[in-house]
Amino acid sequence: MYGTVARLRIRQGAEAQFSQHLRDFTTLNVPGFVATYLYRTDADPRECYMAVLFESKAAYVANAESPAQGARYQQMRSLLESDPDWHDGEVSSFGAVAR
């Protein structure tokens, strides 16, 4: 698997819109998309870490370079205080439990 982890901060009052934006993405049937995970910190629920997983680097890059994803990113960015801090790379799973 391949993906990205981003540190981000949601604008005050945009938390519900941001969550809906993530839910909407899962309905698009983007080729190779696996999952998105959002971690909200206990210290500040608007400070989050988001992990987005794809089946392969090729699928991730194809999505990232698509005009549709560019538009979705701009929509997401409008809900944030600043640009996310992105970290792309290979993903390994150790002992994941299917639910």
N, C-alpha and C. Protein backbone atom coordinates (compact mmCIF):
# COMPACT_ATOMS: atom_id res chain seq x y z
N MET A 1 0.84 -1.17 0.00
CA MET A 1 0.00 0.00 0.00
C MET A 1 0.89 1.24 0.00
N TYR A 2 0.24 2.35 -0.37
CA TYR A 2 0.94 3.63 -0.42
C TYR A 2 -0.04 4.70 0.03
N GLY A 3 0.48 5.78 0.57
CA GLY A 3 -0.43 6.83 0.98
C GLY A 3 0.27 8.05 1.53
N THR A 4 -0.50 8.81 2.28
CA THR A 4 0.02 10.04 2.85
C THR A 4 -0.53 10.21 4.25
N VAL A 5 0.26 10.88 5.07
CA VAL A 5 -0.17 11.31 6.40
C VAL A 5 -0.03 12.82 6.41
N ALA A 6 -1.06 13.49 6.90
CA ALA A 6 -1.04 14.95 6.93
C ALA A 6 -1.39 15.45 8.32
N ARG A 7 -0.66 16.44 8.76
CA ARG A 7 -1.01 17.16 9.98
C ARG A 7 -1.78 18.39 9.51
N LEU A 8 -2.95 18.63 10.11
CA LEU A 8 -3.77 19.75 9.67
C LEU A 8 -4.56 20.32 10.84
N ARG A 9 -5.07 21.52 10.62
CA ARG A 9 -5.90 22.19 11.63
C ARG A 9 -7.16 22.70 10.94
N ILE A 10 -8.30 22.21 11.43
CA ILE A 10 -9.60 22.57 10.86
C ILE A 10 -10.02 23.95 11.37
N ARG A 11 -10.56 24.75 10.46
CA ARG A 11 -11.08 26.07 10.86
C ARG A 11 -12.18 25.92 11.90
N GLN A 12 -12.25 26.87 12.82
CA GLN A 12 -13.31 26.91 13.83
C GLN A 12 -14.67 26.88 13.13
N GLY A 13 -15.53 25.98 13.56
CA GLY A 13 -16.88 25.88 13.00
C GLY A 13 -16.98 25.05 11.74
N ALA A 14 -15.85 24.55 11.20
CA ALA A 14 -15.88 23.77 9.95
C ALA A 14 -15.71 22.27 10.19
N GLU A 15 -15.76 21.85 11.44
CA GLU A 15 -15.51 20.44 11.75
C GLU A 15 -16.50 19.51 11.06
N ALA A 16 -17.78 19.82 11.10
CA ALA A 16 -18.79 18.95 10.48
C ALA A 16 -18.63 18.92 8.97
N GLN A 17 -18.36 20.07 8.36
CA GLN A 17 -18.15 20.12 6.91
C GLN A 17 -16.93 19.30 6.52
N PHE A 18 -15.88 19.38 7.32
CA PHE A 18 -14.67 18.63 7.01
C PHE A 18 -14.94 17.12 7.07
N SER A 19 -15.63 16.68 8.11
CA SER A 19 -15.96 15.27 8.22
C SER A 19 -16.82 14.81 7.06
N GLN A 20 -17.77 15.65 6.64
CA GLN A 20 -18.62 15.30 5.51
C GLN A 20 -17.80 15.22 4.22
N HIS A 21 -16.85 16.12 4.05
CA HIS A 21 -15.97 16.09 2.89
C HIS A 21 -15.24 14.74 2.81
N LEU A 22 -14.74 14.26 3.95
CA LEU A 22 -14.04 12.96 3.96
C LEU A 22 -15.00 11.82 3.65
N ARG A 23 -16.20 11.86 4.21
CA ARG A 23 -17.21 10.81 3.93
C ARG A 23 -17.58 10.82 2.45
N ASP A 24 -17.74 12.00 1.87
CA ASP A 24 -18.12 12.10 0.46
C ASP A 24 -17.06 11.46 -0.44
N PHE A 25 -15.79 11.62 -0.09
CA PHE A 25 -14.71 11.05 -0.91
C PHE A 25 -14.85 9.54 -1.02
N THR A 26 -15.29 8.90 0.06
CA THR A 26 -15.38 7.44 0.05
C THR A 26 -16.45 6.92 -0.91
N THR A 27 -17.36 7.79 -1.34
CA THR A 27 -18.44 7.36 -2.25
C THR A 27 -18.08 7.53 -3.73
N LEU A 28 -16.91 8.07 -4.03
CA LEU A 28 -16.54 8.41 -5.40
C LEU A 28 -15.95 7.26 -6.21
N ASN A 29 -15.66 6.15 -5.57
CA ASN A 29 -15.04 5.00 -6.24
C ASN A 29 -13.75 5.39 -6.97
N VAL A 30 -12.89 6.12 -6.28
CA VAL A 30 -11.59 6.51 -6.83
C VAL A 30 -10.75 5.23 -6.98
N PRO A 31 -10.23 4.97 -8.18
CA PRO A 31 -9.45 3.74 -8.39
C PRO A 31 -8.28 3.62 -7.42
N GLY A 32 -8.21 2.48 -6.74
CA GLY A 32 -7.12 2.19 -5.83
C GLY A 32 -7.27 2.73 -4.43
N PHE A 33 -8.30 3.53 -4.16
CA PHE A 33 -8.50 4.09 -2.82
C PHE A 33 -8.85 2.97 -1.85
N VAL A 34 -8.23 2.99 -0.66
CA VAL A 34 -8.48 1.98 0.36
C VAL A 34 -9.24 2.57 1.54
N ALA A 35 -8.70 3.62 2.15
CA ALA A 35 -9.33 4.16 3.36
C ALA A 35 -8.73 5.51 3.72
N THR A 36 -9.49 6.24 4.53
CA THR A 36 -9.00 7.46 5.16
C THR A 36 -9.23 7.31 6.65
N TYR A 37 -8.23 7.68 7.44
CA TYR A 37 -8.34 7.69 8.89
C TYR A 37 -8.04 9.10 9.37
N LEU A 38 -8.85 9.59 10.32
CA LEU A 38 -8.63 10.91 10.88
C LEU A 38 -8.46 10.77 12.39
N TYR A 39 -7.36 11.29 12.88
CA TYR A 39 -7.07 11.28 14.32
C TYR A 39 -7.19 12.71 14.83
N ARG A 40 -8.11 12.93 15.77
CA ARG A 40 -8.26 14.24 16.41
C ARG A 40 -7.52 14.18 17.74
N THR A 41 -6.68 15.16 18.00
CA THR A 41 -5.90 15.14 19.23
C THR A 41 -6.79 15.47 20.43
N ASP A 42 -6.49 14.86 21.56
CA ASP A 42 -7.23 15.15 22.80
C ASP A 42 -7.01 16.60 23.23
N ALA A 43 -5.80 17.10 23.03
CA ALA A 43 -5.47 18.45 23.48
C ALA A 43 -6.23 19.52 22.70
N ASP A 44 -6.50 19.25 21.42
CA ASP A 44 -7.19 20.23 20.57
C ASP A 44 -7.87 19.48 19.44
N PRO A 45 -9.17 19.23 19.52
CA PRO A 45 -9.88 18.44 18.51
C PRO A 45 -9.84 19.02 17.09
N ARG A 46 -9.45 20.29 16.94
CA ARG A 46 -9.31 20.84 15.59
C ARG A 46 -7.94 20.54 15.00
N GLU A 47 -7.00 20.08 15.81
CA GLU A 47 -5.70 19.64 15.31
C GLU A 47 -5.80 18.15 15.02
N CYS A 48 -5.53 17.77 13.77
CA CYS A 48 -5.76 16.40 13.34
C CYS A 48 -4.57 15.86 12.55
N TYR A 49 -4.54 14.53 12.51
CA TYR A 49 -3.62 13.80 11.63
C TYR A 49 -4.50 12.92 10.76
N MET A 50 -4.31 13.02 9.46
CA MET A 50 -5.12 12.27 8.52
C MET A 50 -4.22 11.32 7.73
N ALA A 51 -4.62 10.06 7.66
CA ALA A 51 -3.90 9.07 6.85
C ALA A 51 -4.83 8.63 5.72
N VAL A 52 -4.32 8.69 4.48
CA VAL A 52 -5.09 8.29 3.31
C VAL A 52 -4.31 7.16 2.63
N LEU A 53 -4.98 6.03 2.42
CA LEU A 53 -4.32 4.84 1.89
C LEU A 53 -4.84 4.47 0.50
N PHE A 54 -3.90 4.08 -0.36
CA PHE A 54 -4.20 3.59 -1.70
C PHE A 54 -3.54 2.23 -1.89
N GLU A 55 -4.05 1.45 -2.84
CA GLU A 55 -3.50 0.12 -3.11
C GLU A 55 -2.05 0.17 -3.59
N SER A 56 -1.68 1.26 -4.27
CA SER A 56 -0.33 1.35 -4.84
C SER A 56 0.07 2.81 -5.00
N LYS A 57 1.36 3.01 -5.18
CA LYS A 57 1.86 4.36 -5.44
C LYS A 57 1.29 4.88 -6.76
N ALA A 58 1.18 4.02 -7.76
CA ALA A 58 0.64 4.44 -9.05
C ALA A 58 -0.79 4.96 -8.90
N ALA A 59 -1.62 4.27 -8.12
CA ALA A 59 -3.00 4.72 -7.91
C ALA A 59 -3.03 6.04 -7.14
N TYR A 60 -2.17 6.17 -6.15
CA TYR A 60 -2.08 7.40 -5.37
C TYR A 60 -1.69 8.58 -6.26
N VAL A 61 -0.65 8.39 -7.06
CA VAL A 61 -0.16 9.46 -7.93
C VAL A 61 -1.22 9.82 -8.98
N ALA A 62 -1.87 8.82 -9.56
CA ALA A 62 -2.91 9.09 -10.55
C ALA A 62 -4.01 9.95 -9.95
N ASN A 63 -4.43 9.64 -8.73
CA ASN A 63 -5.44 10.45 -8.07
C ASN A 63 -4.91 11.85 -7.77
N ALA A 64 -3.72 11.93 -7.21
CA ALA A 64 -3.15 13.22 -6.83
C ALA A 64 -3.00 14.16 -8.02
N GLU A 65 -2.71 13.60 -9.20
CA GLU A 65 -2.49 14.42 -10.39
C GLU A 65 -3.76 14.71 -11.17
N SER A 66 -4.89 14.15 -10.75
CA SER A 66 -6.13 14.35 -11.50
C SER A 66 -6.74 15.72 -11.21
N PRO A 67 -7.31 16.37 -12.24
CA PRO A 67 -7.98 17.66 -12.02
C PRO A 67 -9.12 17.56 -11.00
N ALA A 68 -9.82 16.44 -10.98
CA ALA A 68 -10.92 16.27 -10.02
C ALA A 68 -10.39 16.32 -8.59
N GLN A 69 -9.24 15.68 -8.35
CA GLN A 69 -8.66 15.71 -7.00
C GLN A 69 -8.17 17.11 -6.67
N GLY A 70 -7.66 17.81 -7.66
CA GLY A 70 -7.25 19.19 -7.43
C GLY A 70 -8.40 20.04 -6.94
N ALA A 71 -9.57 19.87 -7.55
CA ALA A 71 -10.76 20.61 -7.13
C ALA A 71 -11.20 20.19 -5.73
N ARG A 72 -11.15 18.88 -5.45
CA ARG A 72 -11.52 18.39 -4.11
C ARG A 72 -10.56 18.94 -3.07
N TYR A 73 -9.28 19.00 -3.41
CA TYR A 73 -8.29 19.54 -2.46
C TYR A 73 -8.61 21.01 -2.15
N GLN A 74 -8.93 21.80 -3.16
CA GLN A 74 -9.25 23.21 -2.92
C GLN A 74 -10.47 23.35 -2.00
N GLN A 75 -11.44 22.46 -2.20
CA GLN A 75 -12.62 22.48 -1.32
C GLN A 75 -12.21 22.14 0.11
N MET A 76 -11.39 21.10 0.28
CA MET A 76 -10.92 20.71 1.61
C MET A 76 -10.10 21.83 2.23
N ARG A 77 -9.21 22.42 1.43
CA ARG A 77 -8.30 23.47 1.94
C ARG A 77 -9.09 24.65 2.49
N SER A 78 -10.24 24.95 1.90
CA SER A 78 -11.05 26.07 2.38
C SER A 78 -11.58 25.83 3.80
N LEU A 79 -11.54 24.59 4.26
CA LEU A 79 -12.01 24.25 5.60
C LEU A 79 -10.90 24.22 6.62
N LEU A 80 -9.67 24.50 6.19
CA LEU A 80 -8.50 24.44 7.07
C LEU A 80 -7.93 25.82 7.34
N GLU A 81 -7.20 25.94 8.45
CA GLU A 81 -6.57 27.22 8.78
C GLU A 81 -5.34 27.49 7.92
N SER A 82 -4.65 26.44 7.50
CA SER A 82 -3.43 26.59 6.70
C SER A 82 -3.23 25.32 5.89
N ASP A 83 -2.21 25.34 5.03
CA ASP A 83 -1.92 24.14 4.23
C ASP A 83 -1.54 22.98 5.14
N PRO A 84 -2.00 21.77 4.81
CA PRO A 84 -1.58 20.60 5.57
C PRO A 84 -0.08 20.34 5.41
N ASP A 85 0.47 19.65 6.37
CA ASP A 85 1.87 19.21 6.33
C ASP A 85 1.84 17.75 5.88
N TRP A 86 2.18 17.49 4.59
CA TRP A 86 2.02 16.17 3.97
C TRP A 86 3.29 15.33 4.09
N HIS A 87 3.11 14.02 4.26
CA HIS A 87 4.22 13.06 4.28
C HIS A 87 3.77 11.81 3.53
N ASP A 88 4.27 11.63 2.30
CA ASP A 88 3.90 10.49 1.45
C ASP A 88 4.85 9.33 1.66
N GLY A 89 4.36 8.09 1.48
CA GLY A 89 5.26 6.95 1.57
C GLY A 89 4.55 5.61 1.55
N GLU A 90 5.38 4.58 1.57
CA GLU A 90 4.89 3.19 1.60
C GLU A 90 4.24 2.94 2.96
N VAL A 91 3.19 2.11 2.94
CA VAL A 91 2.44 1.80 4.15
C VAL A 91 2.53 0.31 4.43
N SER A 92 2.84 -0.03 5.68
CA SER A 92 2.85 -1.42 6.13
C SER A 92 1.83 -1.57 7.25
N SER A 93 1.26 -2.74 7.34
CA SER A 93 0.29 -3.03 8.40
C SER A 93 0.83 -4.19 9.23
N PHE A 94 0.71 -4.05 10.54
CA PHE A 94 1.20 -5.09 11.45
C PHE A 94 0.09 -5.43 12.44
N GLY A 95 -0.54 -6.58 12.19
CA GLY A 95 -1.55 -7.05 13.14
C GLY A 95 -2.89 -6.35 13.06
N ALA A 96 -3.24 -5.80 11.93
CA ALA A 96 -4.54 -5.14 11.79
C ALA A 96 -5.65 -6.16 11.92
N VAL A 97 -6.71 -5.76 12.58
CA VAL A 97 -7.87 -6.62 12.77
C VAL A 97 -9.00 -6.12 11.87
N ALA A 98 -9.52 -7.00 11.04
CA ALA A 98 -10.64 -6.63 10.18
C ALA A 98 -11.89 -6.47 11.01
N ARG A 99 -12.66 -5.43 10.73
CA ARG A 99 -13.89 -5.17 11.50
C ARG A 99 -15.07 -5.07 10.56
